[in-house]
Amino acid sequence: MKYHIVIFSVCIGLALKVMLLTGCSDASSESAARTKPMVDTVTVTRQVISTDRDWVGIVAPLRKASVVAPEPSIVAELFVNEGDWVDKGASLMRLKNPQLDARKSVLQERRNVLIDDLARWQRLAGANAAGPGEVEAARLRLLEVEKEWAELNARRQLLNLTAPVSGRVTHLTTLDGATVTPGVPLMMIDDINSPGLRLRIPIAEAAYFETPDKLTLSFANGETGAIERIIATTQENTPNFIRLEIWLAEQKSLTPTQARLQYSDKREAILIPWTAVAREDDAHWVAVVQGEPLTIARRRVELGAGRAQGVEVKSGLEDGERILRFEPRAQPEGREVALHSNR
């Protein structure tokens, strides 16, 4: 009986000793864990980013042809009205110049005389009554007048004004019987072969127009227009804006038409919260949580476009890496941390 009591006492003592040792070990582990700061992290992954923008404009001819008088003259006949559509080469108006008309009468009479004179000398030469010199002199006199005659007719032909392009007549500023001055526009013609639209946009949006393949032009009737080229210009008085001429491959309508220009792009990129980024001078960095045990390592990153859901990272991070979600400056490099949460 005594033997059993002694063994029981020894067993109880050993159990108490093991319990004491185990309790101390757990307490020390909990104490060590409490020395590591708890942090929130986020695991970075590539995701699809959609960028969509749109602008509304009027599709109309981008170029206008000016019709002017070549010299002082009077409108003899006007064949078009403002708003008319004309084909290239169509007659627009006929001008007359009284001085040219008077000059033509004089030249025509002199030309007829010289033609008869040359014919007379040729007959005399054929009858051996005149030499080659007299015939050649008569020919030269006629050639001089013929030259003036041709120049006069060319000037008079220019007074028959025709359409330089196909399009709609606008800004008609003259009428029958009016006196016109050379170089002053008499009318404008919208060039139907220059369809497109003009936009004035902030210079920050210029990047959207660098890749025309991502742009779509649509009309209210559901048709679309193919973009041929885009011309951008800046102006000194508005340095923060640019003017765009968006040329279409073909004309969809003979009248100005409202259209919608849309930019759409989808691509994969890494986005991180703005709160995860720290800045030092011109550089940006994040706090990467890595290894076992978890340790802080600062990593320089190149940022891209900012978005509502975060900022794009062009380089410096890879899929699956874990970074501090908040206050990267609060944890020095090399510090061991414990994970509070990860998203």
Protein backbone atom coordinates (compact mmCIF):
# COMPACT_ATOMS: atom_id res chain seq x y z
CA MET A 1 0.00 0.00 0.00
CA LYS A 2 2.81 2.41 0.85
CA TYR A 3 4.53 1.45 -2.39
CA HIS A 4 1.52 2.53 -4.45
CA ILE A 5 1.24 5.82 -2.60
CA VAL A 6 4.89 6.71 -3.36
CA ILE A 7 4.51 5.96 -7.06
CA PHE A 8 1.33 8.06 -7.23
CA SER A 9 3.13 10.99 -5.58
CA VAL A 10 6.02 10.79 -8.02
CA CYS A 11 3.65 10.78 -10.98
CA ILE A 12 1.81 13.81 -9.70
CA GLY A 13 5.07 15.68 -9.25
CA LEU A 14 6.26 14.91 -12.74
CA ALA A 15 2.95 16.04 -14.24
CA LEU A 16 3.08 19.32 -12.36
CA LYS A 17 6.63 19.90 -13.57
CA VAL A 18 5.68 19.24 -17.20
CA MET A 19 2.70 21.59 -16.92
CA LEU A 20 4.89 24.33 -15.48
CA LEU A 21 7.48 23.92 -18.22
CA THR A 22 4.84 23.90 -20.97
CA GLY A 23 3.17 27.01 -19.59
CA CYS A 24 6.43 28.90 -19.57
CA SER A 25 7.17 27.90 -23.17
CA ASP A 26 3.76 29.08 -24.41
CA ALA A 27 4.10 32.33 -22.54
CA SER A 28 7.50 33.03 -24.04
CA SER A 29 6.14 32.31 -27.57
CA GLU A 30 3.24 34.67 -27.05
CA SER A 31 5.61 37.30 -25.70
CA ALA A 32 7.87 36.95 -28.76
CA ALA A 33 4.88 37.28 -31.08
CA ARG A 34 3.77 40.39 -29.30
CA THR A 35 7.12 42.07 -30.04
CA LYS A 36 6.48 41.87 -33.84
CA PRO A 37 4.23 44.66 -35.15
CA MET A 38 1.01 43.52 -36.79
CA VAL A 39 0.64 44.80 -40.36
CA ASP A 40 -1.99 44.85 -43.09
CA THR A 41 -0.76 43.71 -46.49
CA VAL A 42 -2.09 43.32 -50.00
CA THR A 43 -1.01 40.76 -52.58
CA VAL A 44 -0.43 42.35 -55.96
CA THR A 45 -1.92 40.70 -59.04
CA ARG A 46 -2.35 41.67 -62.66
CA GLN A 47 -5.85 42.79 -63.53
CA VAL A 48 -7.69 44.00 -66.59
CA ILE A 49 -7.83 47.81 -66.81
CA SER A 50 -10.49 49.40 -69.00
CA THR A 51 -10.10 52.94 -70.28
CA ASP A 52 -13.07 54.55 -71.99
CA ARG A 53 -13.45 58.17 -73.12
CA ASP A 54 -15.71 59.91 -75.58
CA TRP A 55 -16.07 63.27 -77.30
CA VAL A 56 -18.87 64.77 -79.39
CA GLY A 57 -18.20 66.85 -82.50
CA ILE A 58 -19.54 67.84 -85.91
CA VAL A 59 -18.33 66.01 -89.02
CA ALA A 60 -18.01 68.51 -91.85
CA PRO A 61 -15.49 69.45 -94.54
CA LEU A 62 -12.21 70.49 -92.94
CA ARG A 63 -11.01 72.48 -95.92
CA LYS A 64 -12.59 75.37 -97.84
CA ALA A 65 -11.61 76.56 -101.31
CA SER A 66 -11.68 80.30 -101.95
CA VAL A 67 -12.91 81.67 -105.30
CA VAL A 68 -11.40 85.05 -106.23
CA ALA A 69 -11.30 87.33 -109.26
CA PRO A 70 -7.98 87.28 -111.14
CA GLU A 71 -8.19 91.00 -111.96
CA PRO A 72 -10.53 93.99 -111.62
CA SER A 73 -13.75 93.11 -113.39
CA ILE A 74 -17.55 93.11 -113.31
CA VAL A 75 -19.85 90.15 -112.63
CA ALA A 76 -21.55 89.49 -115.95
CA GLU A 77 -23.36 86.29 -114.96
CA LEU A 78 -23.73 84.45 -111.66
CA PHE A 79 -24.66 80.77 -112.00
CA VAL A 80 -24.91 79.63 -108.35
CA ASN A 81 -26.56 80.61 -105.08
CA GLU A 82 -25.29 80.22 -101.56
CA GLY A 83 -25.92 76.67 -100.33
CA ASP A 84 -25.77 75.09 -103.80
CA TRP A 85 -23.75 71.91 -104.26
CA VAL A 86 -21.36 72.01 -107.21
CA ASP A 87 -19.02 69.56 -108.88
CA LYS A 88 -15.40 70.34 -109.55
CA GLY A 89 -15.13 72.31 -112.81
CA ALA A 90 -18.74 73.56 -112.74
CA SER A 91 -19.31 77.16 -113.92
CA LEU A 92 -19.76 79.57 -111.00
CA MET A 93 -19.77 82.99 -112.64
CA ARG A 94 -18.61 84.87 -115.69
CA LEU A 95 -16.70 88.11 -115.23
CA LYS A 96 -15.98 90.78 -117.81
CA ASN A 97 -13.27 93.39 -118.05
CA PRO A 98 -14.13 96.32 -120.37
CA GLN A 99 -10.46 97.11 -120.93
CA LEU A 100 -9.76 93.55 -122.04
CA ASP A 101 -12.77 93.60 -124.32
CA ALA A 102 -11.54 96.84 -125.94
CA ARG A 103 -8.03 95.45 -126.25
CA LYS A 104 -9.42 92.33 -127.90
CA SER A 105 -11.17 94.37 -130.61
CA VAL A 106 -7.99 96.27 -131.43
CA LEU A 107 -5.82 93.15 -131.47
CA GLN A 108 -8.31 91.23 -133.54
CA GLU A 109 -8.34 93.94 -136.24
CA ARG A 110 -4.56 94.20 -136.25
CA ARG A 111 -4.23 90.41 -136.37
CA ASN A 112 -6.53 90.21 -139.38
CA VAL A 113 -4.48 92.88 -141.16
CA LEU A 114 -1.20 91.06 -140.49
CA ILE A 115 -2.67 87.74 -141.61
CA ASP A 116 -3.65 89.35 -144.92
CA ASP A 117 -0.25 91.07 -145.16
CA LEU A 118 1.61 87.76 -144.69
CA ALA A 119 -0.57 86.11 -147.31
CA ARG A 120 0.20 88.96 -149.77
CA TRP A 121 3.96 88.65 -149.25
CA GLN A 122 3.73 84.90 -149.71
CA ARG A 123 1.90 85.41 -153.04
CA LEU A 124 4.52 87.91 -154.15
CA ALA A 125 7.32 85.55 -153.21
CA GLY A 126 5.58 82.77 -155.16
CA ALA A 127 5.58 85.06 -158.20
CA ASN A 128 9.28 85.92 -157.61
CA ALA A 129 8.18 89.51 -156.88
CA ALA A 130 9.45 89.44 -153.26
CA GLY A 131 12.33 87.81 -151.46
CA PRO A 132 12.37 85.51 -148.40
CA GLY A 133 13.33 88.42 -146.14
CA GLU A 134 10.06 90.29 -146.77
CA VAL A 135 8.05 87.11 -146.09
CA GLU A 136 9.94 86.41 -142.84
CA ALA A 137 9.47 89.99 -141.62
CA ALA A 138 5.73 89.74 -142.23
CA ARG A 139 5.66 86.40 -140.36
CA LEU A 140 7.47 87.89 -137.31
CA ARG A 141 5.06 90.84 -137.16
CA LEU A 142 2.14 88.41 -137.11
CA LEU A 143 3.80 86.20 -134.46
CA GLU A 144 4.16 89.15 -132.10
CA VAL A 145 0.47 89.93 -132.39
CA GLU A 146 -0.44 86.24 -132.10
CA LYS A 147 1.43 86.14 -128.81
CA GLU A 148 -0.51 89.13 -127.46
CA TRP A 149 -3.71 87.57 -128.79
CA ALA A 150 -3.07 84.29 -126.95
CA GLU A 151 -2.23 86.09 -123.70
CA LEU A 152 -5.37 88.20 -123.98
CA ASN A 153 -7.57 85.15 -124.56
CA ALA A 154 -5.97 83.39 -121.60
CA ARG A 155 -6.76 86.35 -119.34
CA ARG A 156 -10.32 86.49 -120.63
CA GLN A 157 -10.68 82.72 -120.07
CA LEU A 158 -9.70 83.16 -116.42
CA LEU A 159 -12.72 85.43 -116.02
CA ASN A 160 -14.92 82.34 -116.41
CA LEU A 161 -14.71 81.13 -112.83
CA THR A 162 -15.22 77.42 -112.17
CA ALA A 163 -15.38 75.34 -109.00
CA PRO A 164 -11.89 74.28 -107.86
CA VAL A 165 -13.37 71.46 -105.74
CA SER A 166 -16.66 69.62 -105.34
CA GLY A 167 -18.71 70.84 -102.42
CA ARG A 168 -21.21 73.35 -101.07
CA VAL A 169 -21.12 77.07 -101.89
CA THR A 170 -20.85 79.29 -98.80
CA HIS A 171 -20.06 82.94 -98.03
CA LEU A 172 -21.24 84.25 -101.40
CA THR A 173 -20.37 87.97 -101.34
CA THR A 174 -21.27 89.22 -104.82
CA LEU A 175 -24.15 89.48 -107.30
CA ASP A 176 -24.80 90.21 -110.96
CA GLY A 177 -23.33 93.54 -112.10
CA ALA A 178 -21.10 93.98 -109.05
CA THR A 179 -17.55 95.26 -109.42
CA VAL A 180 -15.00 92.88 -107.91
CA THR A 181 -11.43 93.34 -106.75
CA PRO A 182 -8.65 90.80 -107.43
CA GLY A 183 -7.71 88.63 -104.45
CA VAL A 184 -10.93 89.32 -102.53
CA PRO A 185 -12.96 86.09 -101.99
CA LEU A 186 -16.21 86.06 -103.92
CA MET A 187 -17.39 82.80 -102.36
CA MET A 188 -16.13 79.78 -100.47
CA ILE A 189 -16.70 76.13 -101.31
CA ASP A 190 -16.60 73.43 -98.64
CA ASP A 191 -14.37 70.70 -100.01
CA ILE A 192 -16.42 67.51 -99.86
CA ASN A 193 -13.21 65.48 -100.12
CA SER A 194 -11.96 66.70 -96.73
CA PRO A 195 -14.46 65.15 -94.28
CA GLY A 196 -13.61 65.16 -90.60
CA LEU A 197 -14.18 66.88 -87.29
CA ARG A 198 -12.30 69.40 -85.19
CA LEU A 199 -11.79 69.05 -81.44
CA ARG A 200 -10.17 71.24 -78.82
CA ILE A 201 -8.92 69.12 -75.93
CA PRO A 202 -6.65 69.50 -72.88
CA ILE A 203 -3.10 68.55 -73.72
CA ALA A 204 -3.28 65.84 -71.03
CA GLU A 205 -5.72 63.93 -73.28
CA ALA A 206 -3.40 63.92 -76.29
CA ALA A 207 -2.22 60.37 -75.56
CA TYR A 208 -5.69 59.02 -76.40
CA PHE A 209 -5.18 60.08 -80.03
CA GLU A 210 -1.75 58.51 -80.55
CA THR A 211 -3.30 55.17 -81.53
CA PRO A 212 -6.17 55.78 -83.99
CA ASP A 213 -6.96 52.04 -84.04
CA LYS A 214 -8.45 52.43 -80.56
CA LEU A 215 -10.80 55.20 -81.70
CA THR A 216 -14.27 54.66 -83.12
CA LEU A 217 -16.36 57.35 -84.80
CA SER A 218 -20.11 56.69 -84.88
CA PHE A 219 -23.14 58.57 -86.16
CA ALA A 220 -26.68 58.75 -84.83
CA ASN A 221 -27.93 56.42 -87.59
CA GLY A 222 -25.57 53.67 -86.41
CA GLU A 223 -23.00 54.06 -89.18
CA THR A 224 -19.32 54.41 -88.39
CA GLY A 225 -16.57 56.41 -90.03
CA ALA A 226 -13.04 55.18 -90.73
CA ILE A 227 -10.32 57.50 -89.41
CA GLU A 228 -7.61 58.20 -92.00
CA ARG A 229 -5.28 60.47 -90.06
CA ILE A 230 -5.13 62.89 -87.12
CA ILE A 231 -3.40 66.28 -87.23
CA ALA A 232 -2.63 68.03 -83.94
CA THR A 233 -1.67 71.68 -83.57
CA THR A 234 -0.98 73.96 -80.62
CA GLN A 235 -1.65 77.65 -80.16
CA GLU A 236 0.44 80.14 -78.21
CA ASN A 237 -2.56 81.74 -76.52
CA THR A 238 -3.81 78.37 -75.20
CA PRO A 239 -0.66 76.35 -74.38
CA ASN A 240 -2.56 73.81 -72.24
CA PHE A 241 -4.87 72.81 -75.09
CA ILE A 242 -4.38 71.31 -78.53
CA ARG A 243 -6.54 71.45 -81.65
CA LEU A 244 -7.18 68.22 -83.51
CA GLU A 245 -8.26 67.62 -87.07
CA ILE A 246 -9.57 64.08 -87.39
CA TRP A 247 -9.76 63.18 -91.08
CA LEU A 248 -12.15 60.51 -92.29
CA ALA A 249 -11.51 58.15 -95.17
CA GLU A 250 -14.84 59.01 -96.83
CA GLN A 251 -17.72 61.47 -96.62
CA LYS A 252 -20.82 59.98 -95.00
CA SER A 253 -23.11 62.96 -95.42
CA LEU A 254 -23.34 66.05 -97.60
CA THR A 255 -24.37 68.17 -94.62
CA PRO A 256 -22.64 68.70 -91.25
CA THR A 257 -23.54 65.78 -88.97
CA GLN A 258 -23.05 65.23 -85.26
CA ALA A 259 -20.82 62.28 -84.41
CA ARG A 260 -19.41 60.63 -81.31
CA LEU A 261 -15.73 59.75 -81.03
CA GLN A 262 -14.95 56.96 -78.55
CA TYR A 263 -11.66 55.70 -77.16
CA SER A 264 -11.63 52.19 -75.71
CA ASP A 265 -8.68 50.21 -74.41
CA LYS A 266 -8.34 47.06 -72.30
CA ARG A 267 -5.03 45.79 -70.98
CA GLU A 268 -3.49 43.99 -68.04
CA ALA A 269 -1.56 45.88 -65.39
CA ILE A 270 -0.65 45.81 -61.70
CA LEU A 271 -2.58 48.26 -59.53
CA ILE A 272 -1.70 49.02 -55.92
CA PRO A 273 -3.39 51.26 -53.35
CA TRP A 274 -2.20 54.86 -53.17
CA THR A 275 -1.66 54.31 -49.42
CA ALA A 276 1.04 51.70 -50.18
CA VAL A 277 3.31 54.16 -51.99
CA ALA A 278 6.00 56.31 -50.40
CA ARG A 279 7.95 59.02 -52.17
CA GLU A 280 11.52 60.13 -51.74
CA ASP A 281 12.71 62.99 -53.97
CA ASP A 282 11.62 61.92 -57.48
CA ALA A 283 11.52 58.20 -56.67
CA HIS A 284 8.66 56.06 -55.40
CA TRP A 285 8.93 52.89 -53.33
CA VAL A 286 6.82 50.33 -51.51
CA ALA A 287 7.44 48.07 -48.51
CA VAL A 288 7.54 44.43 -49.65
CA VAL A 289 6.75 41.79 -47.01
CA GLN A 290 8.64 38.62 -47.81
CA GLY A 291 10.50 35.61 -46.43
CA GLU A 292 10.01 33.45 -43.34
CA PRO A 293 9.84 34.98 -40.86
CA LEU A 294 8.07 37.87 -42.62
CA THR A 295 10.50 40.76 -43.12
CA ILE A 296 10.21 44.29 -44.55
CA ALA A 297 12.18 45.13 -47.72
CA ARG A 298 11.86 48.47 -49.48
CA ARG A 299 11.46 48.26 -53.24
CA ARG A 300 11.67 51.08 -55.77
CA VAL A 301 8.81 51.11 -58.30
CA GLU A 302 7.99 53.01 -61.48
CA LEU A 303 4.44 54.30 -61.44
CA GLY A 304 2.09 54.80 -64.34
CA ALA A 305 -1.37 56.32 -64.60
CA GLY A 306 -3.39 57.02 -61.52
CA ARG A 307 -6.89 55.59 -61.29
CA ALA A 308 -9.77 55.62 -58.84
CA GLN A 309 -8.95 52.09 -57.66
CA GLY A 310 -5.22 52.71 -57.30
CA VAL A 311 -2.08 53.56 -59.20
CA GLU A 312 -0.52 51.51 -61.99
CA VAL A 313 2.93 50.01 -61.44
CA LYS A 314 5.00 49.83 -64.61
CA SER A 315 7.97 48.04 -63.08
CA GLY A 316 9.33 46.92 -59.71
CA LEU A 317 6.67 44.41 -58.65
CA GLU A 318 5.60 40.97 -59.82
CA ASP A 319 2.41 38.95 -59.49
CA GLY A 320 1.97 37.37 -56.07
CA GLU A 321 4.24 39.69 -54.12
CA ARG A 322 2.95 41.09 -50.85
CA ILE A 323 3.33 44.73 -49.83
CA LEU A 324 2.30 46.87 -46.87
CA ARG A 325 -1.13 48.31 -47.43
CA PHE A 326 -0.67 51.36 -45.20
CA GLU A 327 2.16 53.62 -43.99
CA PRO A 328 5.23 52.01 -45.57
CA ARG A 329 7.49 54.52 -43.78
CA ALA A 330 6.33 53.24 -40.40
CA GLN A 331 8.26 49.96 -40.79
CA PRO A 332 12.04 50.16 -41.31
CA GLU A 333 13.75 47.84 -43.73
CA GLY A 334 14.70 44.48 -42.21
CA ARG A 335 12.09 44.53 -39.44
CA GLU A 336 10.21 41.31 -38.78
CA VAL A 337 6.45 41.69 -38.78
CA ALA A 338 3.39 39.59 -38.09
CA LEU A 339 0.50 39.44 -40.51
CA HIS A 340 -2.68 41.05 -39.32
CA SER A 341 -4.62 40.74 -42.59
CA ASN A 342 -4.00 40.33 -46.31
CA ARG A 343 -6.23 41.19 -49.24
